[in-house]
Amino acid sequence: MKTRYVGNPDAGTTEIAPGLPLYNEVRVEAREYQDFDVDAVIRLENGRLGVSELKIKQRVGGPSVTSEALRSIAVGQFLRRSFIASNELRPGEADDYDPVRRVAFGLLRAEDRDRMKEAGPVTETLRWVSVIYRAALATGDAPTKAVQESFDVPRYTADRWVAKAREREFLGPAEGPGKAGA
């Protein structure tokens, strides 16, 4: 599969967390995806990413586009990976981008994650907790689970770190029991 994520500078950017600007629009071109060619437009609106346009095209000699084929298109994957296009907005990140050495939606180098995990809930770690949390909200993922998986910590540790990030005002208050708050 060959996939390109191209941010549209004309649509502007939005900083969803301090130091985390995202393009308001990203165009996705996925060739040979599940035997199809897929084009999508991902837009950031009200802090959430969504697909505003999706085109699925049968490849020459490939299977027809059916309802079963449509269900195989992992739209969430395109939303998560659209962060890649915004790496060029963070100086130095685009040149150093290696998806194998990245975690947390590709935002954080694995070695930095390991260092912060070892340090525990210090300021730097809690700032990154808030960035990962907001990134998960933007993509429609479970934010505390994203923190847990990104730092490879138990759920109760992720819960504590999110609570500490709220105490330090890196995150706003939760919107209610079981409801995420940015």
N, C-alpha and C. Protein backbone atom coordinates (compact mmCIF):
# COMPACT_ATOMS: atom_id res chain seq x y z
N MET A 1 0.85 -1.18 0.00
CA MET A 1 0.00 0.00 0.00
C MET A 1 0.89 1.24 0.00
N LYS A 2 0.55 2.18 -0.82
CA LYS A 2 1.25 3.45 -0.90
C LYS A 2 0.27 4.54 -0.47
N THR A 3 0.62 5.25 0.60
CA THR A 3 -0.28 6.27 1.12
C THR A 3 0.45 7.58 1.31
N ARG A 4 -0.20 8.66 0.87
CA ARG A 4 0.33 10.01 1.07
C ARG A 4 -0.69 10.81 1.87
N TYR A 5 -0.18 11.58 2.83
CA TYR A 5 -1.00 12.49 3.62
C TYR A 5 -0.46 13.89 3.35
N VAL A 6 -1.28 14.75 2.78
CA VAL A 6 -0.82 16.07 2.39
C VAL A 6 -1.69 17.12 3.07
N GLY A 7 -1.06 17.92 3.94
CA GLY A 7 -1.78 18.99 4.60
C GLY A 7 -2.05 20.13 3.64
N ASN A 8 -3.21 20.76 3.79
CA ASN A 8 -3.59 21.89 2.95
C ASN A 8 -3.34 23.19 3.72
N PRO A 9 -2.23 23.88 3.43
CA PRO A 9 -1.92 25.11 4.16
C PRO A 9 -2.97 26.20 3.96
N ASP A 10 -3.68 26.19 2.82
CA ASP A 10 -4.70 27.20 2.56
C ASP A 10 -5.88 27.09 3.51
N ALA A 11 -6.11 25.92 4.07
CA ALA A 11 -7.23 25.71 5.01
C ALA A 11 -6.86 26.16 6.42
N GLY A 12 -5.58 26.48 6.64
CA GLY A 12 -5.14 26.94 7.96
C GLY A 12 -4.80 25.80 8.90
N THR A 13 -4.43 26.17 10.10
CA THR A 13 -4.07 25.20 11.13
C THR A 13 -4.76 25.57 12.44
N THR A 14 -4.83 24.60 13.33
CA THR A 14 -5.37 24.81 14.66
C THR A 14 -4.44 24.13 15.65
N GLU A 15 -4.10 24.82 16.72
CA GLU A 15 -3.26 24.24 17.76
C GLU A 15 -4.20 23.56 18.76
N ILE A 16 -4.24 22.21 18.75
CA ILE A 16 -5.17 21.50 19.63
C ILE A 16 -4.59 21.28 21.02
N ALA A 17 -3.30 21.47 21.15
CA ALA A 17 -2.60 21.43 22.44
C ALA A 17 -1.36 22.29 22.25
N PRO A 18 -0.81 22.85 23.33
CA PRO A 18 0.40 23.67 23.17
C PRO A 18 1.50 22.92 22.41
N GLY A 19 1.94 23.50 21.32
CA GLY A 19 2.98 22.88 20.52
C GLY A 19 2.49 21.81 19.57
N LEU A 20 1.16 21.63 19.45
CA LEU A 20 0.60 20.60 18.57
C LEU A 20 -0.37 21.22 17.56
N PRO A 21 0.18 21.87 16.53
CA PRO A 21 -0.69 22.39 15.48
C PRO A 21 -1.04 21.28 14.50
N LEU A 22 -2.28 21.30 14.04
CA LEU A 22 -2.72 20.36 13.02
C LEU A 22 -3.29 21.13 11.85
N TYR A 23 -3.12 20.58 10.66
CA TYR A 23 -3.79 21.16 9.51
C TYR A 23 -5.29 21.02 9.70
N ASN A 24 -6.04 22.03 9.28
CA ASN A 24 -7.50 21.94 9.32
C ASN A 24 -8.03 21.03 8.22
N GLU A 25 -7.17 20.75 7.24
CA GLU A 25 -7.57 19.84 6.16
C GLU A 25 -6.35 19.05 5.70
N VAL A 26 -6.54 17.75 5.56
CA VAL A 26 -5.49 16.86 5.06
C VAL A 26 -6.10 16.00 3.97
N ARG A 27 -5.42 15.92 2.85
CA ARG A 27 -5.85 15.05 1.76
C ARG A 27 -5.07 13.75 1.85
N VAL A 28 -5.80 12.65 1.70
CA VAL A 28 -5.20 11.32 1.79
C VAL A 28 -5.34 10.64 0.43
N GLU A 29 -4.24 10.08 -0.03
CA GLU A 29 -4.24 9.28 -1.26
C GLU A 29 -3.67 7.91 -0.90
N ALA A 30 -4.51 6.90 -0.89
CA ALA A 30 -4.07 5.54 -0.55
C ALA A 30 -4.23 4.66 -1.79
N ARG A 31 -3.14 4.19 -2.31
CA ARG A 31 -3.17 3.32 -3.48
C ARG A 31 -2.96 1.88 -3.04
N GLU A 32 -3.70 0.98 -3.67
CA GLU A 32 -3.63 -0.46 -3.37
C GLU A 32 -4.03 -0.74 -1.92
N TYR A 33 -5.03 -0.01 -1.44
CA TYR A 33 -5.54 -0.22 -0.08
C TYR A 33 -6.71 -1.19 -0.16
N GLN A 34 -6.58 -2.36 0.45
CA GLN A 34 -7.63 -3.39 0.42
C GLN A 34 -8.10 -3.65 -1.01
N ASP A 35 -7.17 -3.68 -1.96
CA ASP A 35 -7.46 -3.89 -3.38
C ASP A 35 -8.15 -2.71 -4.06
N PHE A 36 -8.19 -1.54 -3.44
CA PHE A 36 -8.84 -0.36 -3.99
C PHE A 36 -7.89 0.83 -3.94
N ASP A 37 -8.27 1.89 -4.64
CA ASP A 37 -7.62 3.19 -4.49
C ASP A 37 -8.59 4.05 -3.70
N VAL A 38 -8.08 4.69 -2.65
CA VAL A 38 -8.93 5.48 -1.76
C VAL A 38 -8.38 6.90 -1.69
N ASP A 39 -9.28 7.87 -1.87
CA ASP A 39 -8.95 9.28 -1.68
C ASP A 39 -9.90 9.80 -0.61
N ALA A 40 -9.36 10.58 0.32
CA ALA A 40 -10.19 11.12 1.40
C ALA A 40 -9.74 12.53 1.72
N VAL A 41 -10.67 13.31 2.24
CA VAL A 41 -10.37 14.63 2.78
C VAL A 41 -10.75 14.57 4.25
N ILE A 42 -9.76 14.85 5.09
CA ILE A 42 -9.97 14.84 6.54
C ILE A 42 -9.96 16.29 7.00
N ARG A 43 -10.98 16.64 7.78
CA ARG A 43 -11.06 18.02 8.28
C ARG A 43 -11.10 18.03 9.80
N LEU A 44 -10.48 19.06 10.36
CA LEU A 44 -10.50 19.29 11.80
C LEU A 44 -11.53 20.37 12.07
N GLU A 45 -12.58 20.00 12.81
CA GLU A 45 -13.63 20.95 13.16
C GLU A 45 -13.99 20.75 14.62
N ASN A 46 -14.02 21.84 15.37
CA ASN A 46 -14.34 21.79 16.80
C ASN A 46 -13.45 20.80 17.56
N GLY A 47 -12.17 20.76 17.19
CA GLY A 47 -11.22 19.90 17.88
C GLY A 47 -11.31 18.43 17.54
N ARG A 48 -12.12 18.06 16.56
CA ARG A 48 -12.30 16.65 16.17
C ARG A 48 -12.01 16.48 14.68
N LEU A 49 -11.33 15.40 14.36
CA LEU A 49 -11.07 15.07 12.97
C LEU A 49 -12.22 14.23 12.43
N GLY A 50 -12.56 14.48 11.18
CA GLY A 50 -13.61 13.69 10.53
C GLY A 50 -13.36 13.65 9.04
N VAL A 51 -13.90 12.64 8.40
CA VAL A 51 -13.76 12.51 6.95
C VAL A 51 -14.91 13.26 6.30
N SER A 52 -14.58 14.26 5.50
CA SER A 52 -15.63 15.03 4.84
C SER A 52 -15.87 14.55 3.41
N GLU A 53 -14.92 13.79 2.90
CA GLU A 53 -15.05 13.29 1.54
C GLU A 53 -14.31 11.96 1.46
N LEU A 54 -14.92 10.97 0.81
CA LEU A 54 -14.30 9.66 0.68
C LEU A 54 -14.62 9.09 -0.69
N LYS A 55 -13.58 8.75 -1.43
CA LYS A 55 -13.75 8.18 -2.77
C LYS A 55 -13.03 6.84 -2.80
N ILE A 56 -13.75 5.80 -3.18
CA ILE A 56 -13.18 4.46 -3.26
C ILE A 56 -13.34 3.98 -4.69
N LYS A 57 -12.23 3.64 -5.30
CA LYS A 57 -12.23 3.30 -6.71
C LYS A 57 -11.71 1.88 -6.93
N GLN A 58 -12.42 1.14 -7.76
CA GLN A 58 -12.00 -0.21 -8.13
C GLN A 58 -10.70 -0.12 -8.93
N ARG A 59 -9.74 -0.98 -8.58
CA ARG A 59 -8.49 -1.04 -9.34
C ARG A 59 -8.71 -1.91 -10.57
N VAL A 60 -7.93 -1.69 -11.61
CA VAL A 60 -8.05 -2.48 -12.84
C VAL A 60 -7.88 -3.96 -12.49
N GLY A 61 -8.88 -4.74 -12.83
CA GLY A 61 -8.84 -6.17 -12.56
C GLY A 61 -9.16 -6.54 -11.12
N GLY A 62 -9.43 -5.55 -10.29
CA GLY A 62 -9.71 -5.79 -8.88
C GLY A 62 -11.18 -6.04 -8.63
N PRO A 63 -11.52 -6.34 -7.38
CA PRO A 63 -12.92 -6.60 -7.04
C PRO A 63 -13.76 -5.33 -7.09
N SER A 64 -15.06 -5.52 -7.23
CA SER A 64 -15.99 -4.40 -7.24
C SER A 64 -16.10 -3.78 -5.85
N VAL A 65 -16.50 -2.52 -5.83
CA VAL A 65 -16.76 -1.84 -4.56
C VAL A 65 -18.14 -2.28 -4.09
N THR A 66 -18.18 -3.07 -3.03
CA THR A 66 -19.42 -3.60 -2.49
C THR A 66 -19.61 -3.07 -1.07
N SER A 67 -20.76 -3.34 -0.48
CA SER A 67 -20.98 -2.90 0.90
C SER A 67 -19.98 -3.58 1.83
N GLU A 68 -19.63 -4.83 1.55
CA GLU A 68 -18.62 -5.52 2.36
C GLU A 68 -17.26 -4.84 2.21
N ALA A 69 -16.92 -4.45 0.98
CA ALA A 69 -15.65 -3.76 0.75
C ALA A 69 -15.63 -2.42 1.47
N LEU A 70 -16.75 -1.69 1.47
CA LEU A 70 -16.81 -0.41 2.17
C LEU A 70 -16.56 -0.58 3.66
N ARG A 71 -17.08 -1.65 4.24
CA ARG A 71 -16.88 -1.88 5.68
C ARG A 71 -15.42 -2.20 5.99
N SER A 72 -14.65 -2.62 5.00
CA SER A 72 -13.24 -2.96 5.24
C SER A 72 -12.34 -1.73 5.27
N ILE A 73 -12.86 -0.58 4.89
CA ILE A 73 -12.06 0.65 4.88
C ILE A 73 -11.97 1.17 6.31
N ALA A 74 -10.77 1.17 6.86
CA ALA A 74 -10.54 1.60 8.25
C ALA A 74 -10.36 3.11 8.30
N VAL A 75 -11.48 3.82 8.34
CA VAL A 75 -11.45 5.28 8.33
C VAL A 75 -10.66 5.82 9.53
N GLY A 76 -10.81 5.19 10.69
CA GLY A 76 -10.08 5.63 11.88
C GLY A 76 -8.58 5.63 11.67
N GLN A 77 -8.10 4.69 10.89
CA GLN A 77 -6.66 4.63 10.58
C GLN A 77 -6.23 5.88 9.83
N PHE A 78 -7.05 6.34 8.88
CA PHE A 78 -6.72 7.56 8.14
C PHE A 78 -6.73 8.77 9.06
N LEU A 79 -7.69 8.82 9.99
CA LEU A 79 -7.75 9.94 10.94
C LEU A 79 -6.48 9.98 11.79
N ARG A 80 -6.11 8.82 12.36
CA ARG A 80 -4.91 8.78 13.22
C ARG A 80 -3.66 9.16 12.45
N ARG A 81 -3.53 8.63 11.27
CA ARG A 81 -2.31 8.87 10.50
C ARG A 81 -2.25 10.25 9.87
N SER A 82 -3.36 10.98 9.88
CA SER A 82 -3.32 12.33 9.32
C SER A 82 -2.41 13.24 10.13
N PHE A 83 -2.08 12.82 11.36
CA PHE A 83 -1.12 13.57 12.17
C PHE A 83 0.24 13.64 11.48
N ILE A 84 0.54 12.64 10.66
CA ILE A 84 1.83 12.61 9.97
C ILE A 84 2.01 13.86 9.11
N ALA A 85 0.95 14.28 8.43
CA ALA A 85 1.04 15.46 7.56
C ALA A 85 1.38 16.71 8.35
N SER A 86 0.98 16.75 9.61
CA SER A 86 1.24 17.94 10.43
C SER A 86 2.63 17.96 11.03
N ASN A 87 3.42 16.90 10.85
CA ASN A 87 4.79 16.90 11.37
C ASN A 87 5.62 18.03 10.78
N GLU A 88 5.32 18.43 9.55
CA GLU A 88 6.09 19.52 8.93
C GLU A 88 5.82 20.85 9.63
N LEU A 89 4.75 20.91 10.43
CA LEU A 89 4.46 22.14 11.18
C LEU A 89 5.31 22.26 12.43
N ARG A 90 5.88 21.16 12.87
CA ARG A 90 6.72 21.17 14.07
C ARG A 90 8.18 21.11 13.63
N PRO A 91 8.92 22.20 13.76
CA PRO A 91 10.29 22.26 13.26
C PRO A 91 11.13 21.08 13.73
N GLY A 92 11.85 20.49 12.78
CA GLY A 92 12.74 19.39 13.10
C GLY A 92 12.07 18.03 13.12
N GLU A 93 10.77 17.98 13.22
CA GLU A 93 10.08 16.70 13.31
C GLU A 93 10.02 15.98 11.97
N ALA A 94 9.75 16.71 10.89
CA ALA A 94 9.58 16.06 9.59
C ALA A 94 10.85 15.34 9.16
N ASP A 95 12.01 15.96 9.40
CA ASP A 95 13.27 15.36 8.97
C ASP A 95 13.61 14.12 9.79
N ASP A 96 13.14 14.05 11.02
CA ASP A 96 13.48 12.97 11.94
C ASP A 96 12.37 11.93 12.05
N TYR A 97 11.37 11.98 11.16
CA TYR A 97 10.21 11.13 11.32
C TYR A 97 10.52 9.70 10.89
N ASP A 98 10.44 8.79 11.82
CA ASP A 98 10.62 7.36 11.58
C ASP A 98 9.48 6.65 12.30
N PRO A 99 8.45 6.19 11.56
CA PRO A 99 7.27 5.62 12.22
C PRO A 99 7.57 4.42 13.10
N VAL A 100 8.66 3.72 12.85
CA VAL A 100 9.01 2.56 13.67
C VAL A 100 9.44 3.00 15.07
N ARG A 101 10.07 4.17 15.17
CA ARG A 101 10.56 4.67 16.45
C ARG A 101 9.60 5.66 17.09
N ARG A 102 8.35 5.69 16.64
CA ARG A 102 7.39 6.66 17.14
C ARG A 102 6.22 5.97 17.83
N VAL A 103 5.66 6.66 18.82
CA VAL A 103 4.46 6.21 19.52
C VAL A 103 3.50 7.39 19.61
N ALA A 104 2.34 7.17 20.19
CA ALA A 104 1.39 8.25 20.44
C ALA A 104 1.03 9.00 19.16
N PHE A 105 0.41 8.29 18.23
CA PHE A 105 -0.01 8.89 16.96
C PHE A 105 1.18 9.40 16.15
N GLY A 106 2.37 8.86 16.41
CA GLY A 106 3.57 9.31 15.72
C GLY A 106 4.13 10.61 16.26
N LEU A 107 3.60 11.08 17.37
CA LEU A 107 4.01 12.38 17.91
C LEU A 107 5.26 12.30 18.77
N LEU A 108 5.54 11.16 19.34
CA LEU A 108 6.57 11.05 20.37
C LEU A 108 7.57 9.95 20.01
N ARG A 109 8.84 10.28 20.14
CA ARG A 109 9.87 9.26 19.90
C ARG A 109 9.84 8.25 21.04
N ALA A 110 10.03 6.99 20.71
CA ALA A 110 9.97 5.92 21.72
C ALA A 110 10.97 6.14 22.84
N GLU A 111 12.16 6.64 22.51
CA GLU A 111 13.16 6.86 23.56
C GLU A 111 12.75 7.98 24.51
N ASP A 112 12.05 9.00 23.99
CA ASP A 112 11.54 10.06 24.86
C ASP A 112 10.42 9.53 25.76
N ARG A 113 9.56 8.72 25.18
CA ARG A 113 8.50 8.08 25.96
C ARG A 113 9.07 7.26 27.10
N ASP A 114 10.10 6.47 26.80
CA ASP A 114 10.72 5.62 27.82
C ASP A 114 11.33 6.46 28.94
N ARG A 115 11.96 7.56 28.57
CA ARG A 115 12.56 8.45 29.56
C ARG A 115 11.48 9.06 30.45
N MET A 116 10.38 9.51 29.85
CA MET A 116 9.30 10.13 30.63
C MET A 116 8.58 9.10 31.50
N LYS A 117 8.42 7.90 30.98
CA LYS A 117 7.79 6.83 31.76
C LYS A 117 8.60 6.56 33.01
N GLU A 118 9.91 6.52 32.86
CA GLU A 118 10.81 6.30 33.98
C GLU A 118 10.74 7.45 35.00
N ALA A 119 10.61 8.68 34.49
CA ALA A 119 10.55 9.86 35.37
C ALA A 119 9.23 9.95 36.13
N GLY A 120 8.18 9.35 35.58
CA GLY A 120 6.88 9.41 36.24
C GLY A 120 6.15 10.71 35.93
N PRO A 121 5.18 11.08 36.76
CA PRO A 121 4.32 12.23 36.45
C PRO A 121 4.94 13.59 36.76
N VAL A 122 6.08 13.85 36.14
CA VAL A 122 6.72 15.17 36.26
C VAL A 122 6.13 16.09 35.19
N THR A 123 6.50 17.35 35.22
CA THR A 123 5.90 18.34 34.32
C THR A 123 5.96 17.91 32.86
N GLU A 124 7.12 17.50 32.37
CA GLU A 124 7.25 17.12 30.96
C GLU A 124 6.31 15.97 30.62
N THR A 125 6.26 14.97 31.47
CA THR A 125 5.40 13.81 31.22
C THR A 125 3.93 14.24 31.19
N LEU A 126 3.53 15.07 32.15
CA LEU A 126 2.13 15.49 32.22
C LEU A 126 1.74 16.37 31.03
N ARG A 127 2.68 17.15 30.54
CA ARG A 127 2.39 17.94 29.33
C ARG A 127 2.13 16.99 28.15
N TRP A 128 2.94 15.95 28.04
CA TRP A 128 2.74 14.98 26.97
C TRP A 128 1.47 14.17 27.17
N VAL A 129 1.12 13.88 28.42
CA VAL A 129 -0.15 13.22 28.70
C VAL A 129 -1.28 14.05 28.10
N SER A 130 -1.23 15.37 28.30
CA SER A 130 -2.30 16.24 27.79
C SER A 130 -2.32 16.27 26.26
N VAL A 131 -1.14 16.25 25.64
CA VAL A 131 -1.07 16.24 24.18
C VAL A 131 -1.67 14.95 23.64
N ILE A 132 -1.27 13.83 24.20
CA ILE A 132 -1.78 12.53 23.74
C ILE A 132 -3.29 12.44 23.98
N TYR A 133 -3.74 12.91 25.12
CA TYR A 133 -5.15 12.91 25.46
C TYR A 133 -5.94 13.71 24.42
N ARG A 134 -5.48 14.92 24.10
CA ARG A 134 -6.18 15.76 23.12
C ARG A 134 -6.11 15.17 21.72
N ALA A 135 -4.99 14.54 21.38
CA ALA A 135 -4.88 13.89 20.07
C ALA A 135 -5.90 12.76 19.96
N ALA A 136 -6.06 11.99 21.03
CA ALA A 136 -7.04 10.90 21.03
C ALA A 136 -8.46 11.46 20.90
N LEU A 137 -8.75 12.54 21.60
CA LEU A 137 -10.07 13.16 21.45
C LEU A 137 -10.30 13.58 20.00
N ALA A 138 -9.28 14.15 19.37
CA ALA A 138 -9.42 14.62 17.99
C ALA A 138 -9.71 13.48 17.03
N THR A 139 -9.10 12.32 17.27
CA THR A 139 -9.29 11.19 16.36
C THR A 139 -10.47 10.31 16.73
N GLY A 140 -11.11 10.60 17.85
CA GLY A 140 -12.26 9.79 18.27
C GLY A 140 -11.86 8.56 19.05
N ASP A 141 -10.61 8.48 19.49
CA ASP A 141 -10.14 7.35 20.29
C ASP A 141 -10.41 7.62 21.77
N ALA A 142 -10.34 6.58 22.57
CA ALA A 142 -10.49 6.72 24.02
C ALA A 142 -9.23 7.38 24.57
N PRO A 143 -9.35 8.60 25.14
CA PRO A 143 -8.15 9.36 25.49
C PRO A 143 -7.29 8.74 26.59
N THR A 144 -7.90 8.25 27.66
CA THR A 144 -7.08 7.67 28.73
C THR A 144 -6.43 6.37 28.26
N LYS A 145 -7.14 5.62 27.44
CA LYS A 145 -6.56 4.40 26.88
C LYS A 145 -5.38 4.73 25.97
N ALA A 146 -5.47 5.85 25.25
CA ALA A 146 -4.35 6.27 24.40
C ALA A 146 -3.13 6.60 25.24
N VAL A 147 -3.35 7.26 26.39
CA VAL A 147 -2.24 7.55 27.31
C VAL A 147 -1.65 6.24 27.82
N GLN A 148 -2.50 5.32 28.22
CA GLN A 148 -2.06 4.02 28.72
C GLN A 148 -1.20 3.30 27.68
N GLU A 149 -1.70 3.23 26.45
CA GLU A 149 -0.98 2.50 25.40
C GLU A 149 0.28 3.24 24.96
N SER A 150 0.22 4.56 24.89
CA SER A 150 1.38 5.33 24.44
C SER A 150 2.55 5.20 25.40
N PHE A 151 2.26 5.24 26.69
CA PHE A 151 3.32 5.14 27.70
C PHE A 151 3.55 3.70 28.16
N ASP A 152 2.71 2.78 27.69
CA ASP A 152 2.81 1.36 28.08
C ASP A 152 2.80 1.24 29.61
N VAL A 153 1.75 1.82 30.21
CA VAL A 153 1.57 1.78 31.66
C VAL A 153 0.22 1.14 31.96
N PRO A 154 0.03 0.65 33.19
CA PRO A 154 -1.28 0.10 33.57
C PRO A 154 -2.37 1.18 33.52
N ARG A 155 -3.60 0.74 33.40
CA ARG A 155 -4.73 1.67 33.30
C ARG A 155 -4.78 2.61 34.52
N TYR A 156 -4.57 2.09 35.72
CA TYR A 156 -4.65 2.95 36.91
C TYR A 156 -3.57 4.03 36.89
N THR A 157 -2.41 3.73 36.31
CA THR A 157 -1.35 4.73 36.20
C THR A 157 -1.77 5.82 35.21
N ALA A 158 -2.34 5.40 34.08
CA ALA A 158 -2.82 6.37 33.10
C ALA A 158 -3.91 7.25 33.72
N ASP A 159 -4.82 6.65 34.48
CA ASP A 159 -5.87 7.43 35.16
C ASP A 159 -5.26 8.48 36.09
N ARG A 160 -4.26 8.06 36.88
CA ARG A 160 -3.60 8.98 37.82
C ARG A 160 -2.90 10.11 37.09
N TRP A 161 -2.20 9.77 36.00
CA TRP A 161 -1.47 10.79 35.25
C TRP A 161 -2.43 11.78 34.60
N VAL A 162 -3.57 11.32 34.09
CA VAL A 162 -4.57 12.22 33.52
C VAL A 162 -5.11 13.13 34.62
N ALA A 163 -5.40 12.56 35.79
CA ALA A 163 -5.90 13.37 36.92
C ALA A 163 -4.88 14.42 37.33
N LYS A 164 -3.60 14.05 37.36
CA LYS A 164 -2.55 15.00 37.72
C LYS A 164 -2.42 16.09 36.65
N ALA A 165 -2.58 15.72 35.37
CA ALA A 165 -2.53 16.72 34.30
C ALA A 165 -3.69 17.71 34.46
N ARG A 166 -4.84 17.22 34.91
CA ARG A 166 -5.98 18.13 35.18
C ARG A 166 -5.66 19.05 36.36
N GLU A 167 -5.08 18.46 37.43
CA GLU A 167 -4.71 19.26 38.61
C GLU A 167 -3.75 20.38 38.24
N ARG A 168 -2.82 20.08 37.34
CA ARG A 168 -1.82 21.07 36.92
C ARG A 168 -2.36 21.99 35.82
N GLU A 169 -3.62 21.79 35.44
CA GLU A 169 -4.31 22.58 34.43
C GLU A 169 -3.73 22.44 33.03
N PHE A 170 -3.11 21.29 32.76
CA PHE A 170 -2.70 20.98 31.39
C PHE A 170 -3.90 20.47 30.61
N LEU A 171 -4.90 19.98 31.32
CA LEU A 171 -6.18 19.54 30.76
C LEU A 171 -7.29 20.24 31.53
N GLY A 172 -8.39 20.49 30.86
CA GLY A 172 -9.54 21.07 31.53
C GLY A 172 -10.28 20.00 32.31
N PRO A 173 -11.32 20.40 33.05
CA PRO A 173 -12.09 19.45 33.83
C PRO A 173 -12.85 18.48 32.93
N ALA A 174 -13.10 17.29 33.46
CA ALA A 174 -13.91 16.30 32.73
C ALA A 174 -15.33 16.85 32.59
N GLU A 175 -16.00 16.47 31.54
CA GLU A 175 -17.35 16.96 31.28
C GLU A 175 -18.40 16.21 32.11
N GLY A 176 -17.97 15.26 32.89
CA GLY A 176 -18.88 14.47 33.72
C GLY A 176 -18.32 13.08 33.90
N PRO A 177 -18.95 12.25 34.73
CA PRO A 177 -18.45 10.89 34.94
C PRO A 177 -18.40 10.12 33.62
N GLY A 178 -17.22 9.61 33.32
CA GLY A 178 -17.04 8.84 32.10
C GLY A 178 -16.97 9.68 30.83
N LYS A 179 -16.97 11.00 30.98
CA LYS A 179 -16.93 11.90 29.83
C LYS A 179 -15.59 12.64 29.80
N ALA A 180 -14.90 12.53 28.70
CA ALA A 180 -13.59 13.18 28.56
C ALA A 180 -13.75 14.68 28.50
N GLY A 181 -12.81 15.38 29.04
CA GLY A 181 -12.76 16.83 28.92
C GLY A 181 -11.39 17.23 28.45
N ALA A 182 -11.33 18.17 27.54
CA ALA A 182 -10.04 18.58 26.97
C ALA A 182 -9.39 19.59 27.88
